[in-house]
């Protein structure tokens, strides 16, 4: 599987901003384009990467982690 680094940048921006709207503004994308990018990435990896709610988006506690994200959470 070959992942698109732009999609990973999109995911990071959404996770940092906690909002698709704010992340889209930060990335100079439409909200629809950003949402589509994230959904395509989720399909490619086969797991949901964000929890969406009316209050915003969060990274689920069951999301796969890397050593860098584990250290940041500690």
PDB file of N, CA and C in Angstrom:
ATOM      1  N   UNK A   1       0.850  -1.175   0.000  1.00  0.00           N
ATOM      2  CA  UNK A   1       0.000   0.000   0.000  1.00  0.00           C
ATOM      3  C   UNK A   1       0.896   1.238   0.000  1.00  0.00           C
ATOM      4  N   UNK A   2       0.561   2.190  -0.841  1.00  0.00           N
ATOM      5  CA  UNK A   2       1.316   3.434  -0.922  1.00  0.00           C
ATOM      6  C   UNK A   2       0.420   4.577  -0.454  1.00  0.00           C
ATOM      7  N   UNK A   3       0.762   5.177   0.665  1.00  0.00           N
ATOM      8  CA  UNK A   3      -0.054   6.260   1.215  1.00  0.00           C
ATOM      9  C   UNK A   3       0.386   7.603   0.644  1.00  0.00           C
ATOM     10  N   UNK A   4      -0.572   8.455   0.454  1.00  0.00           N
ATOM     11  CA  UNK A   4      -0.345   9.814  -0.024  1.00  0.00           C
ATOM     12  C   UNK A   4       0.006  10.686   1.182  1.00  0.00           C
ATOM     13  N   UNK A   5       1.175  11.307   1.150  1.00  0.00           N
ATOM     14  CA  UNK A   5       1.601  12.136   2.285  1.00  0.00           C
ATOM     15  C   UNK A   5       0.691  13.333   2.505  1.00  0.00           C
ATOM     16  N   UNK A   6       0.053  13.824   1.451  1.00  0.00           N
ATOM     17  CA  UNK A   6      -0.893  14.928   1.626  1.00  0.00           C
ATOM     18  C   UNK A   6      -2.053  14.500   2.509  1.00  0.00           C
ATOM     19  N   UNK A   7      -2.531  13.276   2.320  1.00  0.00           N
ATOM     20  CA  UNK A   7      -3.638  12.790   3.148  1.00  0.00           C
ATOM     21  C   UNK A   7      -3.209  12.673   4.606  1.00  0.00           C
ATOM     22  N   UNK A   8      -1.977  12.264   4.828  1.00  0.00           N
ATOM     23  CA  UNK A   8      -1.482  12.193   6.207  1.00  0.00           C
ATOM     24  C   UNK A   8      -1.376  13.592   6.818  1.00  0.00           C
ATOM     25  N   UNK A   9      -0.937  14.564   6.030  1.00  0.00           N
ATOM     26  CA  UNK A   9      -0.912  15.956   6.498  1.00  0.00           C
ATOM     27  C   UNK A   9      -2.320  16.433   6.845  1.00  0.00           C
ATOM     28  N   UNK A  10      -3.287  16.031   6.036  1.00  0.00           N
ATOM     29  CA  UNK A  10      -4.676  16.412   6.291  1.00  0.00           C
ATOM     30  C   UNK A  10      -5.154  15.821   7.620  1.00  0.00           C
ATOM     31  N   UNK A  11      -4.852  14.551   7.839  1.00  0.00           N
ATOM     32  CA  UNK A  11      -5.244  13.898   9.090  1.00  0.00           C
ATOM     33  C   UNK A  11      -4.611  14.587  10.296  1.00  0.00           C
ATOM     34  N   UNK A  12      -3.347  14.914  10.204  1.00  0.00           N
ATOM     35  CA  UNK A  12      -2.644  15.577  11.310  1.00  0.00           C
ATOM     36  C   UNK A  12      -3.277  16.933  11.598  1.00  0.00           C
ATOM     37  N   UNK A  13      -3.589  17.691  10.550  1.00  0.00           N
ATOM     38  CA  UNK A  13      -4.202  19.012  10.741  1.00  0.00           C
ATOM     39  C   UNK A  13      -5.558  18.892  11.432  1.00  0.00           C
ATOM     40  N   UNK A  14      -6.364  17.918  11.020  1.00  0.00           N
ATOM     41  CA  UNK A  14      -7.679  17.735  11.642  1.00  0.00           C
ATOM     42  C   UNK A  14      -7.513  17.340  13.104  1.00  0.00           C
ATOM     43  N   UNK A  15      -6.598  16.431  13.384  1.00  0.00           N
ATOM     44  CA  UNK A  15      -6.370  16.002  14.768  1.00  0.00           C
ATOM     45  C   UNK A  15      -5.885  17.172  15.625  1.00  0.00           C
ATOM     46  N   UNK A  16      -4.993  17.999  15.097  1.00  0.00           N
ATOM     47  CA  UNK A  16      -4.476  19.134  15.863  1.00  0.00           C
ATOM     48  C   UNK A  16      -5.532  20.212  16.076  1.00  0.00           C
ATOM     49  N   UNK A  17      -6.334  20.470  15.061  1.00  0.00           N
ATOM     50  CA  UNK A  17      -7.331  21.542  15.145  1.00  0.00           C
ATOM     51  C   UNK A  17      -8.602  21.098  15.864  1.00  0.00           C
ATOM     52  N   UNK A  18      -8.907  19.795  15.822  1.00  0.00           N
ATOM     53  CA  UNK A  18     -10.128  19.303  16.449  1.00  0.00           C
ATOM     54  C   UNK A  18     -11.387  19.685  15.697  1.00  0.00           C
ATOM     55  N   UNK A  19     -11.208  20.118  14.460  1.00  0.00           N
ATOM     56  CA  UNK A  19     -12.338  20.592  13.659  1.00  0.00           C
ATOM     57  C   UNK A  19     -11.975  20.494  12.187  1.00  0.00           C
ATOM     58  N   UNK A  20     -12.888  19.930  11.403  1.00  0.00           N
ATOM     59  CA  UNK A  20     -12.664  19.889   9.957  1.00  0.00           C
ATOM     60  C   UNK A  20     -12.662  21.297   9.369  1.00  0.00           C
ATOM     61  N   UNK A  21     -13.524  22.161   9.881  1.00  0.00           N
ATOM     62  CA  UNK A  21     -13.622  23.530   9.370  1.00  0.00           C
ATOM     63  C   UNK A  21     -12.313  24.289   9.587  1.00  0.00           C
ATOM     64  N   UNK A  22     -11.783  24.240  10.807  1.00  0.00           N
ATOM     65  CA  UNK A  22     -10.524  24.954  11.100  1.00  0.00           C
ATOM     66  C   UNK A  22      -9.350  24.341  10.338  1.00  0.00           C
ATOM     67  N   UNK A  23      -9.324  23.011  10.250  1.00  0.00           N
ATOM     68  CA  UNK A  23      -8.239  22.357   9.512  1.00  0.00           C
ATOM     69  C   UNK A  23      -8.312  22.705   8.028  1.00  0.00           C
ATOM     70  N   UNK A  24      -9.517  22.746   7.478  1.00  0.00           N
ATOM     71  CA  UNK A  24      -9.667  23.096   6.067  1.00  0.00           C
ATOM     72  C   UNK A  24      -9.170  24.516   5.815  1.00  0.00           C
ATOM     73  N   UNK A  25      -9.498  25.439   6.707  1.00  0.00           N
ATOM     74  CA  UNK A  25      -9.023  26.822   6.560  1.00  0.00           C
ATOM     75  C   UNK A  25      -7.497  26.867   6.647  1.00  0.00           C
ATOM     76  N   UNK A  26      -6.942  26.144   7.586  1.00  0.00           N
ATOM     77  CA  UNK A  26      -5.479  26.099   7.765  1.00  0.00           C
ATOM     78  C   UNK A  26      -4.789  25.552   6.518  1.00  0.00           C
ATOM     79  N   UNK A  27      -5.405  24.545   5.888  1.00  0.00           N
ATOM     80  CA  UNK A  27      -4.803  23.893   4.723  1.00  0.00           C
ATOM     81  C   UNK A  27      -5.207  24.542   3.400  1.00  0.00           C
ATOM     82  N   UNK A  28      -6.062  25.577   3.469  1.00  0.00           N
ATOM     83  CA  UNK A  28      -6.563  26.268   2.275  1.00  0.00           C
ATOM     84  C   UNK A  28      -7.311  25.300   1.355  1.00  0.00           C
ATOM     85  N   UNK A  29      -8.164  24.472   1.969  1.00  0.00           N
ATOM     86  CA  UNK A  29      -9.011  23.528   1.250  1.00  0.00           C
ATOM     87  C   UNK A  29     -10.464  23.789   1.613  1.00  0.00           C
ATOM     88  N   UNK A  30     -11.372  23.290   0.783  1.00  0.00           N
ATOM     89  CA  UNK A  30     -12.774  23.322   1.187  1.00  0.00           C
ATOM     90  C   UNK A  30     -12.983  22.227   2.220  1.00  0.00           C
ATOM     91  N   UNK A  31     -13.989  22.404   3.053  1.00  0.00           N
ATOM     92  CA  UNK A  31     -14.291  21.397   4.063  1.00  0.00           C
ATOM     93  C   UNK A  31     -14.648  20.065   3.395  1.00  0.00           C
ATOM     94  N   UNK A  32     -15.379  20.128   2.295  1.00  0.00           N
ATOM     95  CA  UNK A  32     -15.768  18.916   1.579  1.00  0.00           C
ATOM     96  C   UNK A  32     -14.542  18.176   1.040  1.00  0.00           C
ATOM     97  N   UNK A  33     -13.578  18.900   0.485  1.00  0.00           N
ATOM     98  CA  UNK A  33     -12.366  18.264  -0.047  1.00  0.00           C
ATOM     99  C   UNK A  33     -11.573  17.595   1.072  1.00  0.00           C
ATOM    100  N   UNK A  34     -11.479  18.272   2.214  1.00  0.00           N
ATOM    101  CA  UNK A  34     -10.745  17.706   3.343  1.00  0.00           C
ATOM    102  C   UNK A  34     -11.448  16.467   3.883  1.00  0.00           C
ATOM    103  N   UNK A  35     -12.745  16.533   4.025  1.00  0.00           N
ATOM    104  CA  UNK A  35     -13.510  15.398   4.520  1.00  0.00           C
ATOM    105  C   UNK A  35     -13.360  14.199   3.583  1.00  0.00           C
ATOM    106  N   UNK A  36     -13.408  14.447   2.288  1.00  0.00           N
ATOM    107  CA  UNK A  36     -13.229  13.377   1.303  1.00  0.00           C
ATOM    108  C   UNK A  36     -11.837  12.773   1.415  1.00  0.00           C
ATOM    109  N   UNK A  37     -10.831  13.597   1.580  1.00  0.00           N
ATOM    110  CA  UNK A  37      -9.458  13.116   1.719  1.00  0.00           C
ATOM    111  C   UNK A  37      -9.317  12.192   2.926  1.00  0.00           C
ATOM    112  N   UNK A  38      -9.913  12.586   4.053  1.00  0.00           N
ATOM    113  CA  UNK A  38      -9.836  11.780   5.268  1.00  0.00           C
ATOM    114  C   UNK A  38     -10.582  10.465   5.081  1.00  0.00           C
ATOM    115  N   UNK A  39     -11.748  10.518   4.479  1.00  0.00           N
ATOM    116  CA  UNK A  39     -12.522   9.276   4.256  1.00  0.00           C
ATOM    117  C   UNK A  39     -11.787   8.315   3.324  1.00  0.00           C
ATOM    118  N   UNK A  40     -11.136   8.832   2.298  1.00  0.00           N
ATOM    119  CA  UNK A  40     -10.352   7.982   1.397  1.00  0.00           C
ATOM    120  C   UNK A  40      -9.207   7.338   2.163  1.00  0.00           C
ATOM    121  N   UNK A  41      -8.528   8.116   3.003  1.00  0.00           N
ATOM    122  CA  UNK A  41      -7.440   7.570   3.814  1.00  0.00           C
ATOM    123  C   UNK A  41      -7.957   6.476   4.747  1.00  0.00           C
ATOM    124  N   UNK A  42      -9.102   6.704   5.371  1.00  0.00           N
ATOM    125  CA  UNK A  42      -9.687   5.692   6.258  1.00  0.00           C
ATOM    126  C   UNK A  42     -10.007   4.407   5.486  1.00  0.00           C
ATOM    127  N   UNK A  43     -10.500   4.551   4.274  1.00  0.00           N
ATOM    128  CA  UNK A  43     -10.774   3.351   3.453  1.00  0.00           C
ATOM    129  C   UNK A  43      -9.477   2.640   3.097  1.00  0.00           C
ATOM    130  N   UNK A  44      -8.435   3.400   2.784  1.00  0.00           N
ATOM    131  CA  UNK A  44      -7.149   2.804   2.399  1.00  0.00           C
ATOM    132  C   UNK A  44      -6.533   1.999   3.543  1.00  0.00           C
ATOM    133  N   UNK A  45      -6.619   2.517   4.767  1.00  0.00           N
ATOM    134  CA  UNK A  45      -6.009   1.804   5.897  1.00  0.00           C
ATOM    135  C   UNK A  45      -6.979   0.828   6.549  1.00  0.00           C
ATOM    136  N   UNK A  46      -8.265   0.959   6.238  1.00  0.00           N
ATOM    137  CA  UNK A  46      -9.251  -0.003   6.715  1.00  0.00           C
ATOM    138  C   UNK A  46      -9.739   0.183   8.138  1.00  0.00           C
ATOM    139  N   UNK A  47      -9.484   1.344   8.725  1.00  0.00           N
ATOM    140  CA  UNK A  47      -9.971   1.635  10.080  1.00  0.00           C
ATOM    141  C   UNK A  47     -10.393   3.092  10.167  1.00  0.00           C
ATOM    142  N   UNK A  48     -11.395   3.395  11.020  1.00  0.00           N
ATOM    143  CA  UNK A  48     -11.737   4.804  11.233  1.00  0.00           C
ATOM    144  C   UNK A  48     -10.605   5.498  11.990  1.00  0.00           C
ATOM    145  N   UNK A  49     -10.193   6.645  11.507  1.00  0.00           N
ATOM    146  CA  UNK A  49      -9.082   7.371  12.125  1.00  0.00           C
ATOM    147  C   UNK A  49      -9.545   8.544  12.970  1.00  0.00           C
ATOM    148  N   UNK A  50     -10.804   8.938  12.800  1.00  0.00           N
ATOM    149  CA  UNK A  50     -11.365  10.056  13.559  1.00  0.00           C
ATOM    150  C   UNK A  50     -12.745   9.687  14.066  1.00  0.00           C
ATOM    151  N   UNK A  51     -13.092  10.236  15.220  1.00  0.00           N
ATOM    152  CA  UNK A  51     -14.461  10.143  15.730  1.00  0.00           C
ATOM    153  C   UNK A  51     -15.117  11.489  15.459  1.00  0.00           C
ATOM    154  N   UNK A  52     -16.195  11.464  14.723  1.00  0.00           N
ATOM    155  CA  UNK A  52     -16.887  12.694  14.353  1.00  0.00           C
ATOM    156  C   UNK A  52     -18.115  12.890  15.230  1.00  0.00           C
ATOM    157  N   UNK A  53     -18.311  14.109  15.698  1.00  0.00           N
ATOM    158  CA  UNK A  53     -19.503  14.443  16.474  1.00  0.00           C
ATOM    159  C   UNK A  53     -19.847  15.905  16.207  1.00  0.00           C
ATOM    160  N   UNK A  54     -20.979  16.340  16.722  1.00  0.00           N
ATOM    161  CA  UNK A  54     -21.355  17.743  16.534  1.00  0.00           C
ATOM    162  C   UNK A  54     -20.399  18.684  17.273  1.00  0.00           C
ATOM    163  N   UNK A  55     -19.678  18.153  18.256  1.00  0.00           N
ATOM    164  CA  UNK A  55     -18.727  18.965  19.019  1.00  0.00           C
ATOM    165  C   UNK A  55     -17.368  19.067  18.332  1.00  0.00           C
ATOM    166  N   UNK A  56     -17.155  18.319  17.265  1.00  0.00           N
ATOM    167  CA  UNK A  56     -15.881  18.349  16.559  1.00  0.00           C
ATOM    168  C   UNK A  56     -15.392  16.946  16.274  1.00  0.00           C
ATOM    169  N   UNK A  57     -14.122  16.828  16.006  1.00  0.00           N
ATOM    170  CA  UNK A  57     -13.532  15.524  15.720  1.00  0.00           C
ATOM    171  C   UNK A  57     -12.402  15.249  16.708  1.00  0.00           C
ATOM    172  N   UNK A  58     -12.235  13.985  17.035  1.00  0.00           N
ATOM    173  CA  UNK A  58     -11.144  13.572  17.908  1.00  0.00           C
ATOM    174  C   UNK A  58     -10.533  12.307  17.341  1.00  0.00           C
ATOM    175  N   UNK A  59      -9.315  12.034  17.764  1.00  0.00           N
ATOM    176  CA  UNK A  59      -8.660  10.785  17.416  1.00  0.00           C
ATOM    177  C   UNK A  59      -9.138   9.757  18.424  1.00  0.00           C
ATOM    178  N   UNK A  60      -9.720   8.650  17.976  1.00  0.00           N
ATOM    179  CA  UNK A  60     -10.236   7.665  18.934  1.00  0.00           C
ATOM    180  C   UNK A  60      -9.120   7.036  19.753  1.00  0.00           C
ATOM    181  N   UNK A  61      -9.448   6.661  20.960  1.00  0.00           N
ATOM    182  CA  UNK A  61      -8.434   6.050  21.831  1.00  0.00           C
ATOM    183  C   UNK A  61      -7.987   4.700  21.302  1.00  0.00           C
ATOM    184  N   UNK A  62      -8.753   4.107  20.394  1.00  0.00           N
ATOM    185  CA  UNK A  62      -8.382   2.826  19.811  1.00  0.00           C
ATOM    186  C   UNK A  62      -7.606   2.974  18.515  1.00  0.00           C
ATOM    187  N   UNK A  63      -7.266   4.206  18.155  1.00  0.00           N
ATOM    188  CA  UNK A  63      -6.522   4.425  16.917  1.00  0.00           C
ATOM    189  C   UNK A  63      -5.127   3.832  17.036  1.00  0.00           C
ATOM    190  N   UNK A  64      -4.605   3.332  15.929  1.00  0.00           N
ATOM    191  CA  UNK A  64      -3.236   2.821  15.965  1.00  0.00           C
ATOM    192  C   UNK A  64      -2.282   3.928  16.393  1.00  0.00           C
ATOM    193  N   UNK A  65      -1.278   3.593  17.165  1.00  0.00           N
ATOM    194  CA  UNK A  65      -0.328   4.597  17.631  1.00  0.00           C
ATOM    195  C   UNK A  65       1.076   4.259  17.149  1.00  0.00           C
ATOM    196  N   UNK A  66       1.901   5.267  17.162  1.00  0.00           N
ATOM    197  CA  UNK A  66       3.313   5.105  16.837  1.00  0.00           C
ATOM    198  C   UNK A  66       4.092   5.488  18.086  1.00  0.00           C
ATOM    199  N   UNK A  67       5.373   5.154  18.153  1.00  0.00           N
ATOM    200  CA  UNK A  67       6.143   5.580  19.325  1.00  0.00           C
ATOM    201  C   UNK A  67       6.074   7.080  19.570  1.00  0.00           C
ATOM    202  N   UNK A  68       6.051   7.874  18.515  1.00  0.00           N
ATOM    203  CA  UNK A  68       5.993   9.335  18.689  1.00  0.00           C
ATOM    204  C   UNK A  68       4.687   9.769  19.329  1.00  0.00           C
ATOM    205  N   UNK A  69       3.554   9.196  18.920  1.00  0.00           N
ATOM    206  CA  UNK A  69       2.287   9.603  19.509  1.00  0.00           C
ATOM    207  C   UNK A  69       2.131   9.054  20.925  1.00  0.00           C
ATOM    208  N   UNK A  70       2.698   7.892  21.194  1.00  0.00           N
ATOM    209  CA  UNK A  70       2.647   7.370  22.563  1.00  0.00           C
ATOM    210  C   UNK A  70       3.436   8.267  23.518  1.00  0.00           C
ATOM    211  N   UNK A  71       4.597   8.733  23.071  1.00  0.00           N
ATOM    212  CA  UNK A  71       5.416   9.614  23.914  1.00  0.00           C
ATOM    213  C   UNK A  71       4.740  10.947  24.142  1.00  0.00           C
ATOM    214  N   UNK A  72       4.046  11.461  23.155  1.00  0.00           N
ATOM    215  CA  UNK A  72       3.345  12.740  23.279  1.00  0.00           C
ATOM    216  C   UNK A  72       2.207  12.628  24.278  1.00  0.00           C
ATOM    217  N   UNK A  73       1.544  11.479  24.319  1.00  0.00           N
ATOM    218  CA  UNK A  73       0.414  11.287  25.221  1.00  0.00           C
ATOM    219  C   UNK A  73       0.857  11.119  26.667  1.00  0.00           C
ATOM    220  N   UNK A  74       2.097  10.723  26.883  1.00  0.00           N
ATOM    221  CA  UNK A  74       2.586  10.470  28.239  1.00  0.00           C
ATOM    222  C   UNK A  74       2.902  11.721  28.998  1.00  0.00           C
TER     223      UNK A  74
END
